[in-house]
Amino acid sequence: MNIKVKKQERENSQSLMRRFKKKVQQSGILRLAKKKRYYSPEKSRTMKKRAALRREALKKEYEKLDKMGLLKKKKR
C-alpha cells in the first residue's frame, strides 16, 4: 500500500506533511504495522502443558533445596 502525496501550488512543506500524515492515518497502515510488530503467535496446547509441568518441577526442586538449606537467598 503506497501513499503518494504531491506538493500543490503555493503549498508549504508543513501543510504537505500534515496532508501526508492525515492520509497515512486514514489508510490504517500504522495500525496494521503496529499490529504486526507486536504479534506473538499463540502457543499450542502441548507447549502450554509442557511449560506448566516444567514450572511445577522447578517449584518442587526449589522447595526441596530450600528445606535442605542449599538455596541461596537473594538480598533485597
N, C-alpha and C. Protein backbone atom coordinates (compact mmCIF):
# COMPACT_ATOMS: atom_id res chain seq x y z
N MET A 1 0.83 -1.18 0.00
CA MET A 1 0.00 0.00 0.00
C MET A 1 0.88 1.25 0.00
N ASN A 2 1.01 1.85 -1.13
CA ASN A 2 1.80 3.07 -1.24
C ASN A 2 0.90 4.29 -1.18
N ILE A 3 1.34 5.29 -0.47
CA ILE A 3 0.61 6.55 -0.38
C ILE A 3 1.44 7.62 -1.07
N LYS A 4 0.82 8.28 -2.04
CA LYS A 4 1.52 9.33 -2.77
C LYS A 4 0.82 10.65 -2.53
N VAL A 5 1.59 11.65 -2.18
CA VAL A 5 1.06 12.99 -1.98
C VAL A 5 1.99 13.93 -2.74
N LYS A 6 1.41 14.66 -3.67
CA LYS A 6 2.21 15.61 -4.45
C LYS A 6 1.99 17.02 -3.92
N LYS A 7 3.07 17.78 -3.96
CA LYS A 7 3.00 19.16 -3.47
C LYS A 7 2.18 20.00 -4.44
N GLN A 8 1.21 20.71 -3.87
CA GLN A 8 0.35 21.57 -4.69
C GLN A 8 0.99 22.95 -4.83
N GLU A 9 0.43 23.74 -5.73
CA GLU A 9 0.95 25.09 -5.92
C GLU A 9 0.78 25.89 -4.64
N ARG A 10 1.79 26.67 -4.31
CA ARG A 10 1.78 27.56 -3.14
C ARG A 10 1.56 26.81 -1.82
N GLU A 11 1.96 25.57 -1.77
CA GLU A 11 1.79 24.79 -0.53
C GLU A 11 3.15 24.68 0.15
N ASN A 12 3.18 25.01 1.42
CA ASN A 12 4.46 24.89 2.13
C ASN A 12 4.65 23.45 2.62
N SER A 13 5.84 23.18 3.10
CA SER A 13 6.17 21.81 3.48
C SER A 13 5.39 21.33 4.71
N GLN A 14 5.03 22.25 5.60
CA GLN A 14 4.28 21.86 6.79
C GLN A 14 2.88 21.36 6.43
N SER A 15 2.22 22.06 5.55
CA SER A 15 0.87 21.62 5.16
C SER A 15 0.94 20.33 4.34
N LEU A 16 2.02 20.16 3.57
CA LEU A 16 2.21 18.92 2.83
C LEU A 16 2.37 17.75 3.79
N MET A 17 3.18 17.95 4.82
CA MET A 17 3.37 16.89 5.82
C MET A 17 2.06 16.60 6.55
N ARG A 18 1.30 17.63 6.84
CA ARG A 18 0.02 17.46 7.52
C ARG A 18 -0.93 16.61 6.67
N ARG A 19 -0.99 16.91 5.37
CA ARG A 19 -1.83 16.12 4.47
C ARG A 19 -1.37 14.68 4.38
N PHE A 20 -0.04 14.50 4.33
CA PHE A 20 0.51 13.15 4.25
C PHE A 20 0.17 12.35 5.51
N LYS A 21 0.37 12.95 6.67
CA LYS A 21 0.06 12.27 7.94
C LYS A 21 -1.42 11.89 8.01
N LYS A 22 -2.28 12.78 7.53
CA LYS A 22 -3.71 12.52 7.56
C LYS A 22 -4.06 11.34 6.67
N LYS A 23 -3.46 11.28 5.48
CA LYS A 23 -3.71 10.17 4.56
C LYS A 23 -3.22 8.84 5.15
N VAL A 24 -2.05 8.87 5.76
CA VAL A 24 -1.50 7.66 6.37
C VAL A 24 -2.41 7.18 7.49
N GLN A 25 -2.87 8.09 8.31
CA GLN A 25 -3.73 7.73 9.42
C GLN A 25 -5.07 7.17 8.93
N GLN A 26 -5.63 7.77 7.91
CA GLN A 26 -6.91 7.31 7.38
C GLN A 26 -6.79 5.96 6.70
N SER A 27 -5.64 5.66 6.11
CA SER A 27 -5.47 4.40 5.40
C SER A 27 -5.35 3.22 6.36
N GLY A 28 -4.91 3.45 7.59
CA GLY A 28 -4.79 2.37 8.58
C GLY A 28 -3.48 1.63 8.50
N ILE A 29 -2.51 2.16 7.78
CA ILE A 29 -1.22 1.49 7.62
C ILE A 29 -0.49 1.38 8.96
N LEU A 30 -0.50 2.46 9.72
CA LEU A 30 0.21 2.44 11.01
C LEU A 30 -0.39 1.41 11.95
N ARG A 31 -1.72 1.34 11.97
CA ARG A 31 -2.39 0.38 12.86
C ARG A 31 -1.99 -1.05 12.49
N LEU A 32 -1.96 -1.35 11.20
CA LEU A 32 -1.56 -2.68 10.75
C LEU A 32 -0.09 -2.97 11.08
N ALA A 33 0.77 -1.97 10.90
CA ALA A 33 2.19 -2.16 11.17
C ALA A 33 2.43 -2.44 12.65
N LYS A 34 1.74 -1.72 13.52
CA LYS A 34 1.91 -1.95 14.96
C LYS A 34 1.35 -3.31 15.35
N LYS A 35 0.26 -3.69 14.71
CA LYS A 35 -0.34 -4.99 15.00
C LYS A 35 0.63 -6.11 14.63
N LYS A 36 1.29 -5.98 13.48
CA LYS A 36 2.25 -6.99 13.05
C LYS A 36 3.51 -6.97 13.91
N ARG A 37 3.91 -5.79 14.34
CA ARG A 37 5.15 -5.65 15.11
C ARG A 37 5.06 -6.36 16.46
N TYR A 38 3.92 -6.25 17.12
CA TYR A 38 3.77 -6.82 18.45
C TYR A 38 3.02 -8.14 18.45
N TYR A 39 2.86 -8.75 17.30
CA TYR A 39 2.14 -10.02 17.19
C TYR A 39 3.00 -11.14 17.75
N SER A 40 2.40 -11.93 18.59
CA SER A 40 3.07 -13.13 19.06
C SER A 40 2.10 -14.29 18.89
N PRO A 41 2.50 -15.31 18.16
CA PRO A 41 1.59 -16.41 17.89
C PRO A 41 1.22 -17.16 19.17
N GLU A 42 0.02 -17.68 19.19
CA GLU A 42 -0.44 -18.44 20.35
C GLU A 42 0.33 -19.75 20.43
N LYS A 43 0.66 -20.14 21.66
CA LYS A 43 1.35 -21.41 21.84
C LYS A 43 0.35 -22.54 21.72
N SER A 44 0.84 -23.66 21.24
CA SER A 44 -0.05 -24.81 21.10
C SER A 44 -0.38 -25.37 22.48
N ARG A 45 -1.37 -26.20 22.50
CA ARG A 45 -1.85 -26.77 23.77
C ARG A 45 -0.76 -27.60 24.46
N THR A 46 -0.01 -28.37 23.65
CA THR A 46 1.04 -29.20 24.24
C THR A 46 2.19 -28.35 24.79
N MET A 47 2.49 -27.25 24.10
CA MET A 47 3.55 -26.37 24.58
C MET A 47 3.16 -25.73 25.91
N LYS A 48 1.89 -25.34 26.05
CA LYS A 48 1.42 -24.77 27.31
C LYS A 48 1.52 -25.79 28.43
N LYS A 49 1.15 -27.03 28.14
CA LYS A 49 1.21 -28.10 29.16
C LYS A 49 2.66 -28.36 29.57
N ARG A 50 3.56 -28.41 28.59
CA ARG A 50 4.97 -28.63 28.91
C ARG A 50 5.53 -27.53 29.79
N ALA A 51 5.17 -26.29 29.47
CA ALA A 51 5.65 -25.16 30.27
C ALA A 51 5.11 -25.24 31.70
N ALA A 52 3.85 -25.61 31.84
CA ALA A 52 3.25 -25.73 33.17
C ALA A 52 3.91 -26.84 33.97
N LEU A 53 4.17 -27.97 33.33
CA LEU A 53 4.84 -29.08 34.01
C LEU A 53 6.26 -28.71 34.43
N ARG A 54 6.94 -27.97 33.56
CA ARG A 54 8.30 -27.54 33.88
C ARG A 54 8.30 -26.58 35.07
N ARG A 55 7.36 -25.65 35.10
CA ARG A 55 7.25 -24.72 36.23
C ARG A 55 7.00 -25.46 37.54
N GLU A 56 6.12 -26.46 37.49
CA GLU A 56 5.82 -27.25 38.69
C GLU A 56 7.06 -28.00 39.16
N ALA A 57 7.81 -28.60 38.23
CA ALA A 57 9.02 -29.34 38.60
C ALA A 57 10.05 -28.40 39.22
N LEU A 58 10.24 -27.23 38.63
CA LEU A 58 11.20 -26.27 39.19
C LEU A 58 10.77 -25.80 40.57
N LYS A 59 9.48 -25.59 40.74
CA LYS A 59 8.96 -25.14 42.03
C LYS A 59 9.25 -26.18 43.11
N LYS A 60 9.00 -27.46 42.79
CA LYS A 60 9.28 -28.54 43.74
C LYS A 60 10.78 -28.62 44.06
N GLU A 61 11.60 -28.46 43.01
CA GLU A 61 13.06 -28.52 43.20
C GLU A 61 13.54 -27.39 44.11
N TYR A 62 13.02 -26.17 43.91
CA TYR A 62 13.40 -25.04 44.77
C TYR A 62 12.96 -25.26 46.21
N GLU A 63 11.75 -25.81 46.39
CA GLU A 63 11.27 -26.07 47.74
C GLU A 63 12.16 -27.11 48.44
N LYS A 64 12.57 -28.13 47.69
CA LYS A 64 13.44 -29.18 48.23
C LYS A 64 14.79 -28.59 48.64
N LEU A 65 15.38 -27.78 47.77
CA LEU A 65 16.67 -27.16 48.07
C LEU A 65 16.56 -26.18 49.24
N ASP A 66 15.43 -25.48 49.33
CA ASP A 66 15.21 -24.53 50.43
C ASP A 66 15.13 -25.27 51.76
N LYS A 67 14.45 -26.41 51.78
CA LYS A 67 14.32 -27.20 53.02
C LYS A 67 15.67 -27.74 53.46
N MET A 68 16.52 -28.10 52.49
CA MET A 68 17.84 -28.62 52.83
C MET A 68 18.82 -27.51 53.13
N GLY A 69 18.46 -26.27 52.88
CA GLY A 69 19.34 -25.15 53.17
C GLY A 69 20.40 -24.91 52.12
N LEU A 70 20.22 -25.45 50.95
CA LEU A 70 21.21 -25.30 49.89
C LEU A 70 20.89 -24.15 48.93
N LEU A 71 19.76 -23.55 49.11
CA LEU A 71 19.33 -22.48 48.23
C LEU A 71 19.81 -21.15 48.79
N LYS A 72 20.51 -20.38 47.96
CA LYS A 72 21.00 -19.08 48.41
C LYS A 72 19.89 -18.04 48.27
N LYS A 73 19.66 -17.30 49.31
CA LYS A 73 18.62 -16.28 49.30
C LYS A 73 19.17 -15.02 48.67
N LYS A 74 18.33 -14.34 47.88
CA LYS A 74 18.72 -13.06 47.29
C LYS A 74 18.51 -11.96 48.31
N LYS A 75 19.48 -11.05 48.38
CA LYS A 75 19.35 -9.90 49.28
C LYS A 75 18.62 -8.81 48.53
N ARG A 76 17.64 -8.22 49.21
CA ARG A 76 16.87 -7.14 48.59
C ARG A 76 17.17 -5.83 49.24
